[in-house]
Structures are given as structure tokens and as C-alpha cells.
Amino acid sequence: MRITYDPEANAACIYLTDDKLTPGRDSVPVDPPEGVRAFVVLDWQDAMIVGLEVLDASAHLHPDPAGAGCPSPPGIESRLPEGPGHTTKG
């Protein structure tokens, strides 16, 4: 698993595989719960979910995804800022 964060776009990509993602995968937007304004996309390849893309990530993801109640898998590359205007922690 690998997580990348683009602070300029405030977007996170969560890769659920270390395999190289090839062109031709399907990207499907997910409907958020009622009352939540969010844009999340699931990336599918060969009938498997291989990743997620989250816009406005600092508002919708835990600041430390690896520490959000899950054991830290190898390959976590960055932490998300704690809120708008914060810088990426490393």
C-alpha cells in the first residue's frame, strides 16, 4: 500500500497494490453519505479495487492514515496535513 498527497491540489491517492497500474482501469465516482460534500473515486483493474482518489483530502482523511486504527503497512510515504493551510508531514 502506498499513499501520495499533492498539497497544491489537496488530493490524495491511496494505492492498494504495489503493482504498476496500467492504463485502461475503470475509475468510478463514489456517492458520499447524505449531507457530505466529497469527491472520491475508486480505481478498478481486473475486477479488483486497486486504489482510491480523494479530493479535498485534508477535510476527509485522517491526518495520519497509517495511524488511524490500522497497523502501519510498509510503504506509507506521507501524512496528510491536519487541516487547510497546513504543510505535508513526512
PDB file of N, CA and C in Angstrom:
ATOM      1  N   MET A   1       0.850  -1.173   0.000  1.00  0.00           N
ATOM      2  CA  MET A   1       0.000   0.000   0.000  1.00  0.00           C
ATOM      3  C   MET A   1       0.896   1.236   0.000  1.00  0.00           C
ATOM      4  N   ARG A   2       0.437   2.241  -0.717  1.00  0.00           N
ATOM      5  CA  ARG A   2       1.208   3.484  -0.814  1.00  0.00           C
ATOM      6  C   ARG A   2       0.217   4.634  -0.868  1.00  0.00           C
ATOM      7  N   ILE A   3       0.544   5.731  -0.192  1.00  0.00           N
ATOM      8  CA  ILE A   3      -0.312   6.914  -0.197  1.00  0.00           C
ATOM      9  C   ILE A   3       0.515   8.094  -0.667  1.00  0.00           C
ATOM     10  N   THR A   4      -0.026   8.841  -1.614  1.00  0.00           N
ATOM     11  CA  THR A   4       0.622  10.073  -2.036  1.00  0.00           C
ATOM     12  C   THR A   4      -0.352  11.224  -1.807  1.00  0.00           C
ATOM     13  N   TYR A   5       0.217  12.405  -1.578  1.00  0.00           N
ATOM     14  CA  TYR A   5      -0.596  13.595  -1.334  1.00  0.00           C
ATOM     15  C   TYR A   5      -0.013  14.761  -2.107  1.00  0.00           C
ATOM     16  N   ASP A   6      -0.873  15.457  -2.843  1.00  0.00           N
ATOM     17  CA  ASP A   6      -0.490  16.645  -3.587  1.00  0.00           C
ATOM     18  C   ASP A   6      -1.076  17.850  -2.854  1.00  0.00           C
ATOM     19  N   PRO A   7      -0.241  18.615  -2.120  1.00  0.00           N
ATOM     20  CA  PRO A   7      -0.778  19.723  -1.333  1.00  0.00           C
ATOM     21  C   PRO A   7      -1.392  20.833  -2.181  1.00  0.00           C
ATOM     22  N   GLU A   8      -0.893  21.049  -3.395  1.00  0.00           N
ATOM     23  CA  GLU A   8      -1.472  22.101  -4.245  1.00  0.00           C
ATOM     24  C   GLU A   8      -2.892  21.759  -4.658  1.00  0.00           C
ATOM     25  N   ALA A   9      -3.145  20.490  -4.955  1.00  0.00           N
ATOM     26  CA  ALA A   9      -4.484  20.047  -5.356  1.00  0.00           C
ATOM     27  C   ALA A   9      -5.308  19.582  -4.160  1.00  0.00           C
ATOM     28  N   ASN A  10      -4.655  19.433  -2.980  1.00  0.00           N
ATOM     29  CA  ASN A  10      -5.289  18.867  -1.795  1.00  0.00           C
ATOM     30  C   ASN A  10      -5.958  17.543  -2.151  1.00  0.00           C
ATOM     31  N   ALA A  11      -5.192  16.695  -2.854  1.00  0.00           N
ATOM     32  CA  ALA A  11      -5.694  15.413  -3.331  1.00  0.00           C
ATOM     33  C   ALA A  11      -4.780  14.289  -2.852  1.00  0.00           C
ATOM     34  N   ALA A  12      -5.394  13.195  -2.449  1.00  0.00           N
ATOM     35  CA  ALA A  12      -4.639  12.016  -2.026  1.00  0.00           C
ATOM     36  C   ALA A  12      -4.968  10.860  -2.947  1.00  0.00           C
ATOM     37  N   CYS A  13      -3.965  10.063  -3.231  1.00  0.00           N
ATOM     38  CA  CYS A  13      -4.145   8.807  -3.961  1.00  0.00           C
ATOM     39  C   CYS A  13      -3.693   7.702  -3.030  1.00  0.00           C
ATOM     40  N   ILE A  14      -4.564   6.741  -2.823  1.00  0.00           N
ATOM     41  CA  ILE A  14      -4.268   5.598  -1.976  1.00  0.00           C
ATOM     42  C   ILE A  14      -4.189   4.388  -2.892  1.00  0.00           C
ATOM     43  N   TYR A  15      -2.982   3.851  -3.040  1.00  0.00           N
ATOM     44  CA  TYR A  15      -2.754   2.707  -3.904  1.00  0.00           C
ATOM     45  C   TYR A  15      -2.816   1.450  -3.047  1.00  0.00           C
ATOM     46  N   LEU A  16      -3.681   0.517  -3.373  1.00  0.00           N
ATOM     47  CA  LEU A  16      -3.866  -0.691  -2.577  1.00  0.00           C
ATOM     48  C   LEU A  16      -3.003  -1.840  -3.071  1.00  0.00           C
ATOM     49  N   THR A  17      -2.175  -1.584  -4.053  1.00  0.00           N
ATOM     50  CA  THR A  17      -1.288  -2.593  -4.599  1.00  0.00           C
ATOM     51  C   THR A  17       0.051  -1.948  -4.910  1.00  0.00           C
ATOM     52  N   ASP A  18       1.092  -2.739  -4.874  1.00  0.00           N
ATOM     53  CA  ASP A  18       2.397  -2.242  -5.301  1.00  0.00           C
ATOM     54  C   ASP A  18       2.624  -2.509  -6.782  1.00  0.00           C
ATOM     55  N   ASP A  19       1.687  -3.239  -7.418  1.00  0.00           N
ATOM     56  CA  ASP A  19       1.787  -3.498  -8.850  1.00  0.00           C
ATOM     57  C   ASP A  19       1.624  -2.193  -9.617  1.00  0.00           C
ATOM     58  N   LYS A  20       2.284  -2.089 -10.749  1.00  0.00           N
ATOM     59  CA  LYS A  20       2.135  -0.908 -11.598  1.00  0.00           C
ATOM     60  C   LYS A  20       0.716  -0.890 -12.160  1.00  0.00           C
ATOM     61  N   LEU A  21       0.047   0.262 -12.012  1.00  0.00           N
ATOM     62  CA  LEU A  21      -1.297   0.393 -12.549  1.00  0.00           C
ATOM     63  C   LEU A  21      -1.216   0.785 -14.016  1.00  0.00           C
ATOM     64  N   THR A  22      -1.834  -0.011 -14.835  1.00  0.00           N
ATOM     65  CA  THR A  22      -1.759   0.200 -16.273  1.00  0.00           C
ATOM     66  C   THR A  22      -2.947   1.020 -16.753  1.00  0.00           C
ATOM     67  N   PRO A  23      -2.800   1.661 -17.910  1.00  0.00           N
ATOM     68  CA  PRO A  23      -3.946   2.361 -18.493  1.00  0.00           C
ATOM     69  C   PRO A  23      -5.074   1.362 -18.754  1.00  0.00           C
ATOM     70  N   GLY A  24      -6.277   1.869 -18.765  1.00  0.00           N
ATOM     71  CA  GLY A  24      -7.417   1.011 -19.051  1.00  0.00           C
ATOM     72  C   GLY A  24      -8.175   0.580 -17.806  1.00  0.00           C
ATOM     73  N   ARG A  25      -7.736   1.032 -16.642  1.00  0.00           N
ATOM     74  CA  ARG A  25      -8.510   0.691 -15.450  1.00  0.00           C
ATOM     75  C   ARG A  25      -9.752   1.579 -15.415  1.00  0.00           C
ATOM     76  N   ASP A  26     -10.756   1.120 -14.706  1.00  0.00           N
ATOM     77  CA  ASP A  26     -12.001   1.870 -14.591  1.00  0.00           C
ATOM     78  C   ASP A  26     -11.971   2.725 -13.341  1.00  0.00           C
ATOM     79  N   SER A  27     -12.331   3.995 -13.470  1.00  0.00           N
ATOM     80  CA  SER A  27     -12.427   4.916 -12.342  1.00  0.00           C
ATOM     81  C   SER A  27     -13.893   5.257 -12.150  1.00  0.00           C
ATOM     82  N   VAL A  28     -14.420   4.936 -10.965  1.00  0.00           N
ATOM     83  CA  VAL A  28     -15.849   5.079 -10.702  1.00  0.00           C
ATOM     84  C   VAL A  28     -16.054   6.000  -9.504  1.00  0.00           C
ATOM     85  N   PRO A  29     -16.742   7.148  -9.686  1.00  0.00           N
ATOM     86  CA  PRO A  29     -17.033   8.034  -8.556  1.00  0.00           C
ATOM     87  C   PRO A  29     -17.937   7.333  -7.537  1.00  0.00           C
ATOM     88  N   VAL A  30     -17.723   7.642  -6.264  1.00  0.00           N
ATOM     89  CA  VAL A  30     -18.497   7.063  -5.172  1.00  0.00           C
ATOM     90  C   VAL A  30     -19.400   8.146  -4.607  1.00  0.00           C
ATOM     91  N   ASP A  31     -20.655   7.796  -4.339  1.00  0.00           N
ATOM     92  CA  ASP A  31     -21.570   8.746  -3.710  1.00  0.00           C
ATOM     93  C   ASP A  31     -21.266   8.832  -2.218  1.00  0.00           C
ATOM     94  N   PRO A  32     -20.991  10.040  -1.699  1.00  0.00           N
ATOM     95  CA  PRO A  32     -20.749  10.175  -0.257  1.00  0.00           C
ATOM     96  C   PRO A  32     -22.066  10.067   0.511  1.00  0.00           C
ATOM     97  N   PRO A  33     -21.993   9.913   1.829  1.00  0.00           N
ATOM     98  CA  PRO A  33     -23.219   9.887   2.639  1.00  0.00           C
ATOM     99  C   PRO A  33     -23.989  11.201   2.486  1.00  0.00           C
ATOM    100  N   GLU A  34     -25.262  11.141   2.738  1.00  0.00           N
ATOM    101  CA  GLU A  34     -26.108  12.327   2.638  1.00  0.00           C
ATOM    102  C   GLU A  34     -25.567  13.436   3.536  1.00  0.00           C
ATOM    103  N   GLY A  35     -25.479  14.633   2.985  1.00  0.00           N
ATOM    104  CA  GLY A  35     -25.012  15.795   3.730  1.00  0.00           C
ATOM    105  C   GLY A  35     -23.508  16.000   3.691  1.00  0.00           C
ATOM    106  N   VAL A  36     -22.772  15.087   3.071  1.00  0.00           N
ATOM    107  CA  VAL A  36     -21.314  15.204   2.984  1.00  0.00           C
ATOM    108  C   VAL A  36     -20.949  15.592   1.560  1.00  0.00           C
ATOM    109  N   ARG A  37     -20.170  16.663   1.437  1.00  0.00           N
ATOM    110  CA  ARG A  37     -19.687  17.086   0.118  1.00  0.00           C
ATOM    111  C   ARG A  37     -18.270  16.573  -0.042  1.00  0.00           C
ATOM    112  N   ALA A  38     -18.120  15.554  -0.845  1.00  0.00           N
ATOM    113  CA  ALA A  38     -16.811  14.947  -1.049  1.00  0.00           C
ATOM    114  C   ALA A  38     -16.753  14.357  -2.450  1.00  0.00           C
ATOM    115  N   PHE A  39     -15.535  14.224  -2.974  1.00  0.00           N
ATOM    116  CA  PHE A  39     -15.342  13.579  -4.268  1.00  0.00           C
ATOM    117  C   PHE A  39     -14.311  12.482  -4.084  1.00  0.00           C
ATOM    118  N   VAL A  40     -14.782  11.249  -4.187  1.00  0.00           N
ATOM    119  CA  VAL A  40     -13.937  10.069  -4.034  1.00  0.00           C
ATOM    120  C   VAL A  40     -14.154   9.181  -5.253  1.00  0.00           C
ATOM    121  N   VAL A  41     -13.068   8.651  -5.768  1.00  0.00           N
ATOM    122  CA  VAL A  41     -13.126   7.772  -6.945  1.00  0.00           C
ATOM    123  C   VAL A  41     -12.451   6.455  -6.594  1.00  0.00           C
ATOM    124  N   LEU A  42     -13.102   5.344  -6.932  1.00  0.00           N
ATOM    125  CA  LEU A  42     -12.488   4.027  -6.803  1.00  0.00           C
ATOM    126  C   LEU A  42     -11.871   3.657  -8.141  1.00  0.00           C
ATOM    127  N   ASP A  43     -10.639   3.175  -8.109  1.00  0.00           N
ATOM    128  CA  ASP A  43      -9.970   2.689  -9.319  1.00  0.00           C
ATOM    129  C   ASP A  43     -10.036   1.166  -9.324  1.00  0.00           C
ATOM    130  N   TRP A  44     -10.580   0.613 -10.403  1.00  0.00           N
ATOM    131  CA  TRP A  44     -10.746  -0.823 -10.566  1.00  0.00           C
ATOM    132  C   TRP A  44      -9.842  -1.316 -11.692  1.00  0.00           C
ATOM    133  N   GLN A  45      -9.242  -2.478 -11.488  1.00  0.00           N
ATOM    134  CA  GLN A  45      -8.458  -3.118 -12.547  1.00  0.00           C
ATOM    135  C   GLN A  45      -8.623  -4.634 -12.393  1.00  0.00           C
ATOM    136  N   ASP A  46      -9.013  -5.291 -13.451  1.00  0.00           N
ATOM    137  CA  ASP A  46      -9.212  -6.742 -13.439  1.00  0.00           C
ATOM    138  C   ASP A  46     -10.165  -7.170 -12.324  1.00  0.00           C
ATOM    139  N   ALA A  47     -11.280  -6.447 -12.171  1.00  0.00           N
ATOM    140  CA  ALA A  47     -12.339  -6.739 -11.197  1.00  0.00           C
ATOM    141  C   ALA A  47     -11.876  -6.603  -9.743  1.00  0.00           C
ATOM    142  N   MET A  48     -10.784  -5.865  -9.512  1.00  0.00           N
ATOM    143  CA  MET A  48     -10.260  -5.642  -8.161  1.00  0.00           C
ATOM    144  C   MET A  48     -10.140  -4.137  -7.917  1.00  0.00           C
ATOM    145  N   ILE A  49     -10.454  -3.684  -6.701  1.00  0.00           N
ATOM    146  CA  ILE A  49     -10.218  -2.284  -6.339  1.00  0.00           C
ATOM    147  C   ILE A  49      -8.724  -2.144  -6.087  1.00  0.00           C
ATOM    148  N   VAL A  50      -8.076  -1.266  -6.862  1.00  0.00           N
ATOM    149  CA  VAL A  50      -6.630  -1.098  -6.759  1.00  0.00           C
ATOM    150  C   VAL A  50      -6.233   0.254  -6.192  1.00  0.00           C
ATOM    151  N   GLY A  51      -7.200   1.169  -6.037  1.00  0.00           N
ATOM    152  CA  GLY A  51      -6.853   2.470  -5.499  1.00  0.00           C
ATOM    153  C   GLY A  51      -8.065   3.348  -5.265  1.00  0.00           C
ATOM    154  N   LEU A  52      -7.810   4.446  -4.542  1.00  0.00           N
ATOM    155  CA  LEU A  52      -8.817   5.461  -4.285  1.00  0.00           C
ATOM    156  C   LEU A  52      -8.187   6.823  -4.519  1.00  0.00           C
ATOM    157  N   GLU A  53      -8.971   7.728  -5.031  1.00  0.00           N
ATOM    158  CA  GLU A  53      -8.537   9.113  -5.183  1.00  0.00           C
ATOM    159  C   GLU A  53      -9.497   9.970  -4.370  1.00  0.00           C
ATOM    160  N   VAL A  54      -8.952  10.871  -3.563  1.00  0.00           N
ATOM    161  CA  VAL A  54      -9.778  11.698  -2.679  1.00  0.00           C
ATOM    162  C   VAL A  54      -9.407  13.157  -2.886  1.00  0.00           C
ATOM    163  N   LEU A  55     -10.381  13.962  -3.319  1.00  0.00           N
ATOM    164  CA  LEU A  55     -10.180  15.403  -3.415  1.00  0.00           C
ATOM    165  C   LEU A  55     -10.607  16.041  -2.100  1.00  0.00           C
ATOM    166  N   ASP A  56     -10.054  17.225  -1.801  1.00  0.00           N
ATOM    167  CA  ASP A  56     -10.260  17.891  -0.512  1.00  0.00           C
ATOM    168  C   ASP A  56      -9.866  16.930   0.610  1.00  0.00           C
ATOM    169  N   ALA A  57      -8.721  16.265   0.388  1.00  0.00           N
ATOM    170  CA  ALA A  57      -8.266  15.177   1.253  1.00  0.00           C
ATOM    171  C   ALA A  57      -8.068  15.602   2.701  1.00  0.00           C
ATOM    172  N   SER A  58      -7.587  16.812   2.941  1.00  0.00           N
ATOM    173  CA  SER A  58      -7.321  17.221   4.322  1.00  0.00           C
ATOM    174  C   SER A  58      -8.603  17.310   5.143  1.00  0.00           C
ATOM    175  N   ALA A  59      -9.746  17.453   4.478  1.00  0.00           N
ATOM    176  CA  ALA A  59     -11.022  17.519   5.185  1.00  0.00           C
ATOM    177  C   ALA A  59     -11.669  16.147   5.350  1.00  0.00           C
ATOM    178  N   HIS A  60     -11.233  15.164   4.551  1.00  0.00           N
ATOM    179  CA  HIS A  60     -11.949  13.886   4.536  1.00  0.00           C
ATOM    180  C   HIS A  60     -11.119  12.675   4.931  1.00  0.00           C
ATOM    181  N   LEU A  61      -9.824  12.832   5.134  1.00  0.00           N
ATOM    182  CA  LEU A  61      -8.981  11.722   5.560  1.00  0.00           C
ATOM    183  C   LEU A  61      -8.317  12.045   6.892  1.00  0.00           C
ATOM    184  N   HIS A  62      -8.090  11.036   7.680  1.00  0.00           N
ATOM    185  CA  HIS A  62      -7.358  11.195   8.939  1.00  0.00           C
ATOM    186  C   HIS A  62      -5.981  11.766   8.615  1.00  0.00           C
ATOM    187  N   PRO A  63      -5.429  12.666   9.438  1.00  0.00           N
ATOM    188  CA  PRO A  63      -4.122  13.263   9.137  1.00  0.00           C
ATOM    189  C   PRO A  63      -2.990  12.244   9.049  1.00  0.00           C
ATOM    190  N   ASP A  64      -3.133  11.115   9.732  1.00  0.00           N
ATOM    191  CA  ASP A  64      -2.120  10.066   9.677  1.00  0.00           C
ATOM    192  C   ASP A  64      -2.835   8.763   9.309  1.00  0.00           C
ATOM    193  N   PRO A  65      -3.064   8.522   8.015  1.00  0.00           N
ATOM    194  CA  PRO A  65      -3.851   7.348   7.605  1.00  0.00           C
ATOM    195  C   PRO A  65      -3.331   6.041   8.180  1.00  0.00           C
ATOM    196  N   ALA A  66      -2.025   5.902   8.321  1.00  0.00           N
ATOM    197  CA  ALA A  66      -1.474   4.655   8.858  1.00  0.00           C
ATOM    198  C   ALA A  66      -1.758   4.524  10.346  1.00  0.00           C
ATOM    199  N   GLY A  67      -1.965   5.630  11.036  1.00  0.00           N
ATOM    200  CA  GLY A  67      -2.214   5.582  12.471  1.00  0.00           C
ATOM    201  C   GLY A  67      -3.683   5.649  12.828  1.00  0.00           C
ATOM    202  N   ALA A  68      -4.562   5.573  11.854  1.00  0.00           N
ATOM    203  CA  ALA A  68      -5.995   5.712  12.083  1.00  0.00           C
ATOM    204  C   ALA A  68      -6.638   4.388  12.490  1.00  0.00           C
ATOM    205  N   GLY A  69      -5.998   3.689  13.415  1.00  0.00           N
ATOM    206  CA  GLY A  69      -6.581   2.448  13.897  1.00  0.00           C
ATOM    207  C   GLY A  69      -6.134   1.227  13.129  1.00  0.00           C
ATOM    208  N   CYS A  70      -5.213   1.387  12.194  1.00  0.00           N
ATOM    209  CA  CYS A  70      -4.714   0.272  11.410  1.00  0.00           C
ATOM    210  C   CYS A  70      -3.214   0.152  11.624  1.00  0.00           C
ATOM    211  N   PRO A  71      -2.694  -1.079  11.568  1.00  0.00           N
ATOM    212  CA  PRO A  71      -1.239  -1.199  11.640  1.00  0.00           C
ATOM    213  C   PRO A  71      -0.590  -0.504  10.453  1.00  0.00           C
ATOM    214  N   SER A  72       0.579   0.037  10.642  1.00  0.00           N
ATOM    215  CA  SER A  72       1.280   0.739   9.572  1.00  0.00           C
ATOM    216  C   SER A  72       1.873  -0.254   8.575  1.00  0.00           C
ATOM    217  N   PRO A  73       1.345  -0.298   7.358  1.00  0.00           N
ATOM    218  CA  PRO A  73       1.948  -1.169   6.362  1.00  0.00           C
ATOM    219  C   PRO A  73       3.219  -0.537   5.819  1.00  0.00           C
ATOM    220  N   PRO A  74       4.138  -1.357   5.315  1.00  0.00           N
ATOM    221  CA  PRO A  74       5.334  -0.774   4.706  1.00  0.00           C
ATOM    222  C   PRO A  74       4.954   0.051   3.487  1.00  0.00           C
ATOM    223  N   GLY A  75       5.680   1.108   3.215  1.00  0.00           N
ATOM    224  CA  GLY A  75       5.454   1.902   2.009  1.00  0.00           C
ATOM    225  C   GLY A  75       4.623   3.149   2.210  1.00  0.00           C
ATOM    226  N   ILE A  76       4.135   3.418   3.434  1.00  0.00           N
ATOM    227  CA  ILE A  76       3.410   4.662   3.651  1.00  0.00           C
ATOM    228  C   ILE A  76       4.409   5.786   3.468  1.00  0.00           C
ATOM    229  N   GLU A  77       4.128   6.660   2.506  1.00  0.00           N
ATOM    230  CA  GLU A  77       5.122   7.660   2.138  1.00  0.00           C
ATOM    231  C   GLU A  77       4.878   9.034   2.718  1.00  0.00           C
ATOM    232  N   SER A  78       3.661   9.343   3.111  1.00  0.00           N
ATOM    233  CA  SER A  78       3.430  10.699   3.603  1.00  0.00           C
ATOM    234  C   SER A  78       2.237  10.730   4.534  1.00  0.00           C
ATOM    235  N   ARG A  79       2.147  11.820   5.280  1.00  0.00           N
ATOM    236  CA  ARG A  79       0.986  12.084   6.114  1.00  0.00           C
ATOM    237  C   ARG A  79       0.256  13.267   5.513  1.00  0.00           C
ATOM    238  N   LEU A  80      -1.018  13.333   5.772  1.00  0.00           N
ATOM    239  CA  LEU A  80      -1.809  14.448   5.276  1.00  0.00           C
ATOM    240  C   LEU A  80      -1.735  15.594   6.267  1.00  0.00           C
ATOM    241  N   PRO A  81      -1.916  16.815   5.811  1.00  0.00           N
ATOM    242  CA  PRO A  81      -1.935  17.940   6.742  1.00  0.00           C
ATOM    243  C   PRO A  81      -3.138  17.831   7.666  1.00  0.00           C
ATOM    244  N   GLU A  82      -3.053  18.473   8.817  1.00  0.00           N
ATOM    245  CA  GLU A  82      -4.126  18.385   9.794  1.00  0.00           C
ATOM    246  C   GLU A  82      -5.308  19.271   9.462  1.00  0.00           C
ATOM    247  N   GLY A  83      -5.194  20.092   8.469  1.00  0.00           N
ATOM    248  CA  GLY A  83      -6.304  20.940   8.070  1.00  0.00           C
ATOM    249  C   GLY A  83      -5.857  21.864   6.971  1.00  0.00           C
ATOM    250  N   PRO A  84      -6.771  22.649   6.423  1.00  0.00           N
ATOM    251  CA  PRO A  84      -6.406  23.563   5.359  1.00  0.00           C
ATOM    252  C   PRO A  84      -5.260  24.495   5.792  1.00  0.00           C
ATOM    253  N   GLY A  85      -4.319  24.687   4.908  1.00  0.00           N
ATOM    254  CA  GLY A  85      -3.212  25.600   5.177  1.00  0.00           C
ATOM    255  C   GLY A  85      -2.038  24.955   5.853  1.00  0.00           C
ATOM    256  N   HIS A  86      -2.142  23.695   6.252  1.00  0.00           N
ATOM    257  CA  HIS A  86      -1.018  23.002   6.881  1.00  0.00           C
ATOM    258  C   HIS A  86      -0.150  22.368   5.815  1.00  0.00           C
ATOM    259  N   THR A  87       1.094  22.156   6.132  1.00  0.00           N
ATOM    260  CA  THR A  87       2.014  21.535   5.179  1.00  0.00           C
ATOM    261  C   THR A  87       2.064  20.035   5.401  1.00  0.00           C
ATOM    262  N   THR A  88       2.557  19.321   4.402  1.00  0.00           N
ATOM    263  CA  THR A  88       2.668  17.874   4.494  1.00  0.00           C
ATOM    264  C   THR A  88       3.719  17.493   5.524  1.00  0.00           C
ATOM    265  N   LYS A  89       3.404  16.502   6.344  1.00  0.00           N
ATOM    266  CA  LYS A  89       4.344  15.979   7.325  1.00  0.00           C
ATOM    267  C   LYS A  89       5.039  14.779   6.713  1.00  0.00           C
ATOM    268  N   GLY A  90       6.299  14.534   7.093  1.00  0.00           N
ATOM    269  CA  GLY A  90       6.998  13.426   6.483  1.00  0.00           C
ATOM    270  C   GLY A  90       7.583  12.501   7.391  1.00  0.00           C
TER     271      GLY A  90
END
